N, C-alpha and C. Protein backbone atom coordinates (compact mmCIF):
# COMPACT_ATOMS: atom_id res chain seq x y z
N MET A 1 -11.46 -15.36 -19.06
CA MET A 1 -10.85 -14.79 -17.86
C MET A 1 -11.55 -15.29 -16.61
N SER A 2 -12.74 -15.83 -16.74
CA SER A 2 -13.47 -16.28 -15.56
C SER A 2 -12.82 -17.49 -14.92
N ASP A 3 -12.06 -18.31 -15.70
CA ASP A 3 -11.43 -19.47 -15.11
C ASP A 3 -10.00 -19.19 -14.64
N ALA A 4 -9.57 -17.95 -14.75
CA ALA A 4 -8.23 -17.57 -14.29
C ALA A 4 -8.21 -17.44 -12.77
N LEU A 5 -7.15 -17.95 -12.20
CA LEU A 5 -6.94 -17.78 -10.77
C LEU A 5 -6.57 -16.34 -10.50
N ARG A 6 -7.26 -15.70 -9.54
CA ARG A 6 -7.00 -14.30 -9.23
C ARG A 6 -6.70 -14.14 -7.75
N ILE A 7 -5.84 -13.22 -7.44
CA ILE A 7 -5.55 -12.88 -6.05
C ILE A 7 -6.32 -11.62 -5.70
N PRO A 8 -7.17 -11.67 -4.66
CA PRO A 8 -7.86 -10.44 -4.25
C PRO A 8 -6.86 -9.51 -3.56
N ILE A 9 -6.58 -8.40 -4.20
CA ILE A 9 -5.54 -7.48 -3.72
C ILE A 9 -5.85 -6.92 -2.33
N PRO A 10 -7.08 -6.51 -2.02
CA PRO A 10 -7.33 -6.02 -0.65
C PRO A 10 -7.07 -7.08 0.42
N ALA A 11 -7.46 -8.31 0.16
CA ALA A 11 -7.20 -9.38 1.14
C ALA A 11 -5.70 -9.60 1.30
N LEU A 12 -4.97 -9.58 0.21
CA LEU A 12 -3.52 -9.73 0.27
C LEU A 12 -2.88 -8.56 1.02
N GLY A 13 -3.35 -7.34 0.75
CA GLY A 13 -2.80 -6.16 1.42
C GLY A 13 -3.02 -6.20 2.92
N PHE A 14 -4.25 -6.54 3.33
CA PHE A 14 -4.53 -6.62 4.77
C PHE A 14 -3.74 -7.76 5.42
N SER A 15 -3.63 -8.89 4.75
CA SER A 15 -2.88 -10.03 5.30
C SER A 15 -1.41 -9.68 5.47
N LEU A 16 -0.82 -9.11 4.45
CA LEU A 16 0.58 -8.70 4.54
C LEU A 16 0.78 -7.60 5.59
N GLY A 17 -0.18 -6.68 5.67
CA GLY A 17 -0.07 -5.60 6.64
C GLY A 17 -0.07 -6.10 8.07
N VAL A 18 -0.97 -7.02 8.37
CA VAL A 18 -1.01 -7.58 9.73
C VAL A 18 0.25 -8.40 10.00
N PHE A 19 0.66 -9.20 9.02
CA PHE A 19 1.86 -10.03 9.19
C PHE A 19 3.10 -9.18 9.45
N THR A 20 3.31 -8.14 8.64
CA THR A 20 4.51 -7.32 8.83
C THR A 20 4.45 -6.48 10.10
N ALA A 21 3.27 -6.02 10.47
CA ALA A 21 3.15 -5.26 11.72
C ALA A 21 3.47 -6.15 12.92
N LEU A 22 2.92 -7.37 12.92
CA LEU A 22 3.23 -8.30 14.02
C LEU A 22 4.70 -8.67 14.04
N SER A 23 5.28 -8.89 12.87
CA SER A 23 6.71 -9.21 12.79
C SER A 23 7.56 -8.06 13.32
N PHE A 24 7.19 -6.85 12.95
CA PHE A 24 7.90 -5.66 13.43
C PHE A 24 7.82 -5.56 14.96
N LEU A 25 6.61 -5.73 15.50
CA LEU A 25 6.43 -5.64 16.96
C LEU A 25 7.18 -6.75 17.68
N LEU A 26 7.19 -7.95 17.13
CA LEU A 26 7.95 -9.05 17.73
C LEU A 26 9.45 -8.76 17.70
N CYS A 27 9.91 -8.17 16.62
CA CYS A 27 11.33 -7.83 16.52
C CYS A 27 11.70 -6.75 17.53
N VAL A 28 10.83 -5.76 17.70
CA VAL A 28 11.09 -4.72 18.71
C VAL A 28 11.10 -5.34 20.10
N ALA A 29 10.16 -6.24 20.38
CA ALA A 29 10.11 -6.90 21.69
C ALA A 29 11.37 -7.74 21.91
N LEU A 30 11.81 -8.45 20.88
CA LEU A 30 13.04 -9.24 21.01
C LEU A 30 14.24 -8.33 21.22
N GLY A 31 14.24 -7.17 20.57
CA GLY A 31 15.32 -6.21 20.77
C GLY A 31 15.38 -5.69 22.20
N LEU A 32 14.23 -5.63 22.86
CA LEU A 32 14.21 -5.22 24.27
C LEU A 32 14.75 -6.33 25.17
N VAL A 33 14.48 -7.57 24.82
CA VAL A 33 14.93 -8.70 25.62
C VAL A 33 16.42 -8.96 25.41
N VAL A 34 16.89 -8.82 24.18
CA VAL A 34 18.29 -9.07 23.85
C VAL A 34 18.87 -7.82 23.18
N PRO A 35 19.15 -6.79 23.97
CA PRO A 35 19.63 -5.54 23.37
C PRO A 35 20.98 -5.66 22.66
N SER A 36 21.80 -6.62 23.06
CA SER A 36 23.12 -6.76 22.44
C SER A 36 23.03 -7.25 21.00
N ALA A 37 21.88 -7.76 20.59
CA ALA A 37 21.72 -8.24 19.21
C ALA A 37 21.59 -7.09 18.21
N GLU A 38 21.32 -5.89 18.69
CA GLU A 38 21.20 -4.69 17.85
C GLU A 38 20.23 -4.91 16.69
N LEU A 39 19.05 -5.43 17.00
CA LEU A 39 18.06 -5.72 15.98
C LEU A 39 17.45 -4.46 15.36
N HIS A 40 17.69 -3.33 15.96
CA HIS A 40 17.11 -2.09 15.45
C HIS A 40 17.86 -1.53 14.24
N LYS A 41 19.08 -1.96 14.02
CA LYS A 41 19.88 -1.36 12.95
C LYS A 41 19.27 -1.53 11.55
N PRO A 42 18.74 -2.70 11.19
CA PRO A 42 18.09 -2.77 9.87
C PRO A 42 16.88 -1.84 9.75
N TRP A 43 16.14 -1.67 10.83
CA TRP A 43 14.97 -0.78 10.78
C TRP A 43 15.41 0.65 10.48
N LEU A 44 16.55 1.06 11.00
CA LEU A 44 17.04 2.41 10.74
C LEU A 44 17.31 2.63 9.25
N GLN A 45 17.70 1.55 8.56
CA GLN A 45 18.00 1.65 7.13
C GLN A 45 16.73 1.66 6.27
N PHE A 46 15.74 0.86 6.65
CA PHE A 46 14.59 0.64 5.77
C PHE A 46 13.35 1.44 6.13
N LEU A 47 13.33 2.05 7.31
CA LEU A 47 12.16 2.81 7.74
C LEU A 47 12.56 4.26 7.99
N PRO A 48 12.42 5.13 7.00
CA PRO A 48 12.81 6.53 7.17
C PRO A 48 12.10 7.17 8.36
N GLY A 49 12.86 7.84 9.20
CA GLY A 49 12.31 8.52 10.37
C GLY A 49 12.20 7.65 11.60
N PHE A 50 12.55 6.36 11.48
CA PHE A 50 12.43 5.44 12.60
C PHE A 50 13.44 5.78 13.69
N GLU A 51 12.99 5.76 14.93
CA GLU A 51 13.85 5.97 16.10
C GLU A 51 13.67 4.77 17.02
N TRP A 52 14.73 4.27 17.57
CA TRP A 52 14.67 3.10 18.43
C TRP A 52 14.13 3.48 19.81
N LEU A 53 13.15 2.72 20.25
CA LEU A 53 12.57 2.81 21.59
C LEU A 53 11.91 4.15 21.92
N THR A 54 11.19 4.68 20.94
CA THR A 54 10.34 5.85 21.21
C THR A 54 8.96 5.53 20.67
N TRP A 55 7.94 6.19 21.22
CA TRP A 55 6.58 6.00 20.71
C TRP A 55 6.48 6.47 19.27
N ARG A 56 7.16 7.55 18.98
CA ARG A 56 7.16 8.07 17.60
C ARG A 56 7.79 7.05 16.66
N GLY A 57 8.91 6.47 17.07
CA GLY A 57 9.58 5.46 16.25
C GLY A 57 8.72 4.23 16.03
N LEU A 58 8.02 3.82 17.07
CA LEU A 58 7.12 2.67 16.95
C LEU A 58 6.00 2.96 15.96
N LEU A 59 5.42 4.14 16.06
CA LEU A 59 4.35 4.53 15.13
C LEU A 59 4.87 4.62 13.70
N ILE A 60 6.03 5.23 13.52
CA ILE A 60 6.62 5.34 12.18
C ILE A 60 6.90 3.95 11.62
N GLY A 61 7.41 3.06 12.45
CA GLY A 61 7.67 1.69 12.00
C GLY A 61 6.41 0.99 11.55
N LEU A 62 5.34 1.16 12.30
CA LEU A 62 4.07 0.52 11.93
C LEU A 62 3.51 1.11 10.64
N VAL A 63 3.67 2.42 10.47
CA VAL A 63 3.20 3.05 9.23
C VAL A 63 3.98 2.51 8.03
N TRP A 64 5.31 2.45 8.16
CA TRP A 64 6.12 1.98 7.04
C TRP A 64 5.86 0.51 6.73
N THR A 65 5.57 -0.31 7.75
CA THR A 65 5.26 -1.71 7.45
C THR A 65 4.01 -1.80 6.58
N GLN A 66 3.06 -0.91 6.82
CA GLN A 66 1.83 -0.90 6.01
C GLN A 66 2.11 -0.41 4.60
N VAL A 67 2.94 0.60 4.48
CA VAL A 67 3.29 1.12 3.14
C VAL A 67 3.95 0.02 2.32
N TYR A 68 4.94 -0.65 2.89
CA TYR A 68 5.64 -1.71 2.17
C TYR A 68 4.71 -2.89 1.87
N SER A 69 3.84 -3.21 2.80
CA SER A 69 2.91 -4.33 2.60
C SER A 69 1.94 -4.05 1.46
N TRP A 70 1.37 -2.86 1.46
CA TRP A 70 0.41 -2.53 0.40
C TRP A 70 1.08 -2.36 -0.95
N TYR A 71 2.29 -1.84 -0.96
CA TYR A 71 3.05 -1.76 -2.21
C TYR A 71 3.25 -3.17 -2.78
N THR A 72 3.65 -4.10 -1.91
CA THR A 72 3.85 -5.48 -2.33
C THR A 72 2.55 -6.10 -2.82
N ALA A 73 1.47 -5.87 -2.09
CA ALA A 73 0.17 -6.45 -2.48
C ALA A 73 -0.28 -5.93 -3.84
N VAL A 74 -0.18 -4.64 -4.05
CA VAL A 74 -0.63 -4.05 -5.32
C VAL A 74 0.28 -4.50 -6.46
N ALA A 75 1.60 -4.46 -6.25
CA ALA A 75 2.53 -4.84 -7.31
C ALA A 75 2.44 -6.33 -7.61
N PHE A 76 2.59 -7.16 -6.59
CA PHE A 76 2.58 -8.60 -6.81
C PHE A 76 1.20 -9.10 -7.24
N GLY A 77 0.18 -8.69 -6.51
CA GLY A 77 -1.18 -9.13 -6.83
C GLY A 77 -1.62 -8.68 -8.21
N GLY A 78 -1.32 -7.43 -8.53
CA GLY A 78 -1.68 -6.91 -9.85
C GLY A 78 -0.97 -7.65 -10.97
N LEU A 79 0.33 -7.84 -10.81
CA LEU A 79 1.08 -8.56 -11.85
C LEU A 79 0.63 -10.01 -11.96
N PHE A 80 0.40 -10.65 -10.83
CA PHE A 80 -0.07 -12.03 -10.85
C PHE A 80 -1.40 -12.13 -11.60
N ASN A 81 -2.31 -11.23 -11.29
CA ASN A 81 -3.63 -11.26 -11.94
C ASN A 81 -3.52 -11.02 -13.45
N ILE A 82 -2.63 -10.15 -13.85
CA ILE A 82 -2.44 -9.90 -15.28
C ILE A 82 -1.91 -11.15 -15.98
N PHE A 83 -0.86 -11.74 -15.42
CA PHE A 83 -0.26 -12.91 -16.06
C PHE A 83 -1.17 -14.13 -15.99
N ALA A 84 -1.92 -14.28 -14.91
CA ALA A 84 -2.86 -15.39 -14.80
C ALA A 84 -3.97 -15.26 -15.83
N SER A 85 -4.48 -14.06 -16.03
CA SER A 85 -5.55 -13.89 -17.01
C SER A 85 -5.03 -14.11 -18.43
N ARG A 86 -3.78 -13.71 -18.70
CA ARG A 86 -3.20 -13.97 -20.02
C ARG A 86 -3.02 -15.46 -20.26
N ALA A 87 -2.56 -16.15 -19.23
CA ALA A 87 -2.36 -17.60 -19.36
C ALA A 87 -3.69 -18.31 -19.56
N ALA A 88 -4.74 -17.86 -18.88
CA ALA A 88 -6.06 -18.47 -19.03
C ALA A 88 -6.63 -18.18 -20.41
N ALA A 89 -6.31 -17.01 -20.97
CA ALA A 89 -6.82 -16.66 -22.30
C ALA A 89 -6.18 -17.53 -23.39
N ARG A 90 -4.97 -18.01 -23.15
CA ARG A 90 -4.27 -18.85 -24.12
C ARG A 90 -4.80 -20.27 -24.14
N ARG A 91 -5.49 -20.68 -23.09
CA ARG A 91 -5.99 -22.07 -23.02
C ARG A 91 -7.11 -22.31 -23.94
């Protein structure tokens, strides 16, 4: 197992968390610049409790981006590490 490639889950979680938070903030900023694009509609579907253009909605959006990011990091990173260690054990 020592020669198996492993993904450090905390590093992946923090990386995804920062990436999704910045993407969310950029999307909100773009929605302010181009309001006719209605970029907020997908957020209403995927972020429970999200409200467009409120401080509460912004905070809720940032919290949900972290929840989804860490879920992805734990699920993907964990599965990758399991399958990588199994593949290395077969060698």
